[in-house]
């Protein structure tokens, strides 16, 4: 398992690589996949997508699902983080976001990086935290939470979507509040780009 955590100077090296390979002309999906491959070759583990899962209005089991360059890490939120943590799906993690952002961002914008996953310490922080390698996953299914539709003066909207991760031995199911993770379409689009396994939408 890779052990390095990317720093701004490492990302600068990737940007040089990206310039040499005309990455700017490629699609957002191609940019992210190139970044993932580069990290894997260099021994870096980076979070690409973070999803926030909640049950029972935030009072039940609450998890962070980190889709990294090598695996999925599921970690239970500490009590206070149940109310402040959000997913990364709308903006992605900081370095991948720079690759797909339409803004003219600079590395100096990331000097004060938001805290993201440190795989080793995060896994050790609780005995209930665990990870799955992508090779273990048979399929991931994201389902629109049509039963969660609410209607108000602004119209109707789905408040929760659902994610199922199937492996050969167990099924993992998670509720994804739209307010913390973005739309169904965003989640499906980026999971399909990041996860080297079948991702289905229903």
Protein backbone atom coordinates (compact mmCIF):
# COMPACT_ATOMS: atom_id res chain seq x y z
CA UNK A 1 0.00 0.00 0.00
CA UNK A 2 1.25 3.47 -0.86
CA UNK A 3 2.32 5.64 2.05
CA UNK A 4 2.94 9.15 0.70
CA UNK A 5 0.62 12.10 1.27
CA UNK A 6 0.83 14.69 -1.48
CA UNK A 7 2.18 18.17 -0.74
CA UNK A 8 1.88 21.29 -2.95
CA UNK A 9 5.40 20.77 -4.32
CA UNK A 10 4.43 17.23 -5.39
CA UNK A 11 1.38 18.60 -7.17
CA UNK A 12 3.62 21.13 -8.91
CA UNK A 13 5.55 18.21 -10.37
CA UNK A 14 2.29 16.75 -11.64
CA UNK A 15 1.36 20.06 -13.27
CA UNK A 16 4.68 20.01 -15.14
CA UNK A 17 3.88 16.46 -16.27
CA UNK A 18 0.37 17.59 -17.27
CA UNK A 19 1.78 20.45 -19.35
CA UNK A 20 4.18 18.11 -21.13
CA UNK A 21 1.25 15.81 -22.00
CA UNK A 22 -1.24 18.50 -23.09
CA UNK A 23 -3.61 17.59 -20.29
CA UNK A 24 -5.42 20.93 -20.49
CA UNK A 25 -6.96 19.89 -23.81
CA UNK A 26 -8.45 16.70 -22.39
CA UNK A 27 -11.85 16.16 -20.78
CA UNK A 28 -12.37 16.48 -17.03
CA UNK A 29 -12.66 12.72 -16.69
CA UNK A 30 -9.39 12.18 -18.58
CA UNK A 31 -7.65 14.76 -16.36
CA UNK A 32 -8.76 12.99 -13.17
CA UNK A 33 -7.87 9.54 -14.47
CA UNK A 34 -4.42 10.78 -15.52
CA UNK A 35 -3.92 12.29 -12.07
CA UNK A 36 -4.92 9.00 -10.41
CA UNK A 37 -2.49 7.00 -12.56
CA UNK A 38 0.32 9.46 -11.83
CA UNK A 39 -0.31 9.22 -8.08
CA UNK A 40 -0.33 5.43 -8.19
CA UNK A 41 2.96 5.31 -10.07
CA UNK A 42 4.52 7.74 -7.60
CA UNK A 43 3.25 5.99 -4.47
CA UNK A 44 0.84 8.75 -3.43
CA UNK A 45 -2.56 8.14 -1.94
CA UNK A 46 -4.91 11.06 -2.50
CA UNK A 47 -8.59 11.49 -1.76
CA UNK A 48 -10.47 12.21 -4.97
CA UNK A 49 -14.09 12.08 -3.79
CA UNK A 50 -15.46 12.28 -0.26
CA UNK A 51 -19.09 11.40 0.41
CA UNK A 52 -20.88 12.07 3.68
CA UNK A 53 -23.33 9.41 4.83
CA UNK A 54 -26.00 9.90 7.50
CA UNK A 55 -28.85 7.92 9.00
CA UNK A 56 -31.83 9.10 11.01
CA UNK A 57 -31.40 12.80 10.45
CA UNK A 58 -27.80 12.82 11.61
CA UNK A 59 -28.25 10.93 14.88
CA UNK A 60 -27.63 7.36 13.70
CA UNK A 61 -24.59 5.84 12.04
CA UNK A 62 -22.64 8.55 10.27
CA UNK A 63 -19.68 7.85 8.02
CA UNK A 64 -17.25 9.48 5.64
CA UNK A 65 -16.65 7.54 2.44
CA UNK A 66 -13.29 8.49 0.96
CA UNK A 67 -12.64 7.32 -2.58
CA UNK A 68 -8.87 7.53 -2.90
CA UNK A 69 -6.47 6.72 -5.70
CA UNK A 70 -6.16 3.17 -4.31
CA UNK A 71 -9.21 2.21 -2.24
CA UNK A 72 -12.37 3.24 -0.42
CA UNK A 73 -11.94 4.16 3.24
CA UNK A 74 -15.03 4.18 5.45
CA UNK A 75 -14.61 6.03 8.73
CA UNK A 76 -17.12 6.76 11.44
CA UNK A 77 -17.54 10.46 12.19
CA UNK A 78 -16.85 11.78 15.62
CA UNK A 79 -19.92 13.29 17.27
CA UNK A 80 -19.18 16.95 16.54
CA UNK A 81 -18.15 16.20 12.95
CA UNK A 82 -21.60 14.80 12.23
CA UNK A 83 -22.81 18.36 11.94
CA UNK A 84 -19.93 20.13 10.23
CA UNK A 85 -18.50 17.63 7.75
CA UNK A 86 -19.52 17.85 4.14
CA UNK A 87 -18.66 15.72 1.16
CA UNK A 88 -16.30 16.75 -1.62
CA UNK A 89 -18.46 15.64 -4.52
CA UNK A 90 -19.49 19.12 -5.68
CA UNK A 91 -15.96 20.52 -5.61
CA UNK A 92 -13.90 17.35 -5.14
CA UNK A 93 -10.76 17.23 -3.02
CA UNK A 94 -8.40 20.23 -3.35
CA UNK A 95 -5.81 19.00 -5.87
CA UNK A 96 -8.25 17.19 -8.20
CA UNK A 97 -10.51 20.23 -8.02
CA UNK A 98 -7.72 22.40 -9.42
CA UNK A 99 -7.59 20.15 -12.48
CA UNK A 100 -11.27 20.53 -13.36
CA UNK A 101 -11.99 24.03 -12.06
CA UNK A 102 -12.87 26.64 -14.66
CA UNK A 103 -11.32 29.29 -12.43
CA UNK A 104 -7.69 30.28 -12.86
CA UNK A 105 -6.51 28.80 -9.57
CA UNK A 106 -2.89 28.89 -8.43
CA UNK A 107 -0.96 26.63 -6.10
CA UNK A 108 -0.77 29.48 -3.61
CA UNK A 109 -4.54 29.08 -3.22
CA UNK A 110 -3.88 25.67 -1.67
CA UNK A 111 -1.12 26.58 0.76
CA UNK A 112 -3.71 26.52 3.53
CA UNK A 113 -5.25 23.27 2.40
CA UNK A 114 -8.41 21.95 4.03
CA UNK A 115 -7.68 18.90 6.17
CA UNK A 116 -8.28 15.76 4.16
CA UNK A 117 -7.70 12.12 4.80
CA UNK A 118 -4.47 10.83 6.26
CA UNK A 119 -5.09 7.12 5.57
CA UNK A 120 -2.94 5.63 8.31
CA UNK A 121 -4.10 7.79 11.20
CA UNK A 122 -7.70 7.74 10.09
CA UNK A 123 -7.90 3.97 9.97
CA UNK A 124 -6.29 3.69 13.40
CA UNK A 125 -8.58 6.27 15.03
CA UNK A 126 -11.43 3.80 15.51
CA UNK A 127 -11.75 0.02 15.41
CA UNK A 128 -14.93 0.44 13.32
CA UNK A 129 -13.06 2.16 10.47
CA UNK A 130 -12.12 -0.05 7.53
CA UNK A 131 -11.22 0.01 3.86
CA UNK A 132 -11.99 -1.90 0.68
CA UNK A 133 -9.62 -2.19 -2.23
CA UNK A 134 -11.20 -1.59 -5.61
CA UNK A 135 -10.40 -5.16 -6.63
CA UNK A 136 -12.78 -6.41 -3.93
CA UNK A 137 -15.73 -4.49 -5.33
CA UNK A 138 -18.13 -6.20 -7.70
CA UNK A 139 -20.31 -3.16 -8.31
CA UNK A 140 -21.42 0.15 -6.86
CA UNK A 141 -25.03 1.20 -7.23
CA UNK A 142 -26.27 4.72 -6.69
CA UNK A 143 -30.05 5.12 -6.46
CA UNK A 144 -32.18 8.23 -6.58
CA UNK A 145 -34.02 8.65 -3.28
CA UNK A 146 -37.43 9.26 -4.79
CA UNK A 147 -39.04 8.40 -1.44
CA UNK A 148 -37.23 11.37 0.11
CA UNK A 149 -38.86 14.06 -2.06
CA UNK A 150 -39.95 17.18 -0.19
CA UNK A 151 -42.14 19.94 -1.62
CA UNK A 152 -42.16 23.57 -0.57
CA UNK A 153 -42.72 26.97 -2.12
CA UNK A 154 -39.51 26.57 -4.16
CA UNK A 155 -40.67 23.32 -5.72
CA UNK A 156 -39.89 19.65 -5.17
CA UNK A 157 -36.52 18.07 -4.57
CA UNK A 158 -34.93 14.81 -3.51
CA UNK A 159 -33.17 15.18 -0.16
CA UNK A 160 -31.36 11.82 0.05
CA UNK A 161 -29.77 9.42 -2.40
CA UNK A 162 -28.56 5.89 -1.66
CA UNK A 163 -25.27 4.14 -2.31
CA UNK A 164 -24.71 0.38 -2.26
CA UNK A 165 -21.27 -1.24 -2.47
CA UNK A 166 -21.37 -4.94 -3.31
CA UNK A 167 -18.40 -7.19 -2.65
CA UNK A 168 -18.24 -10.98 -2.93
CA UNK A 169 -18.85 -11.34 0.81
CA UNK A 170 -20.91 -8.38 2.02
CA UNK A 171 -23.23 -5.55 0.96
CA UNK A 172 -22.59 -2.06 2.34
CA UNK A 173 -25.43 0.46 2.19
CA UNK A 174 -25.24 4.21 2.81
CA UNK A 175 -27.61 7.20 2.78
CA UNK A 176 -26.24 10.31 1.05
CA UNK A 177 -27.90 13.63 1.97
CA UNK A 178 -28.05 15.86 -1.10
CA UNK A 179 -27.23 18.91 1.02
CA UNK A 180 -23.79 17.46 1.83
CA UNK A 181 -22.93 15.59 -1.35
CA UNK A 182 -24.39 17.31 -4.38
CA UNK A 183 -26.83 15.93 -6.89
CA UNK A 184 -27.39 12.37 -8.02
CA UNK A 185 -25.97 13.23 -11.44
CA UNK A 186 -22.76 14.69 -9.99
CA UNK A 187 -22.15 11.69 -7.76
CA UNK A 188 -22.74 9.19 -10.54
CA UNK A 189 -20.58 11.12 -13.00
CA UNK A 190 -17.53 11.33 -10.73
CA UNK A 191 -17.80 7.85 -9.24
CA UNK A 192 -17.85 6.47 -12.78
CA UNK A 193 -14.68 8.43 -13.50
CA UNK A 194 -12.81 7.48 -10.31
CA UNK A 195 -13.79 3.94 -9.38
CA UNK A 196 -12.21 1.12 -11.44
CA UNK A 197 -15.29 -1.05 -11.01
CA UNK A 198 -18.81 -1.14 -12.39
CA UNK A 199 -20.88 1.87 -11.24
CA UNK A 200 -24.61 1.62 -11.89
CA UNK A 201 -27.36 4.21 -11.58
CA UNK A 202 -30.96 3.34 -10.79
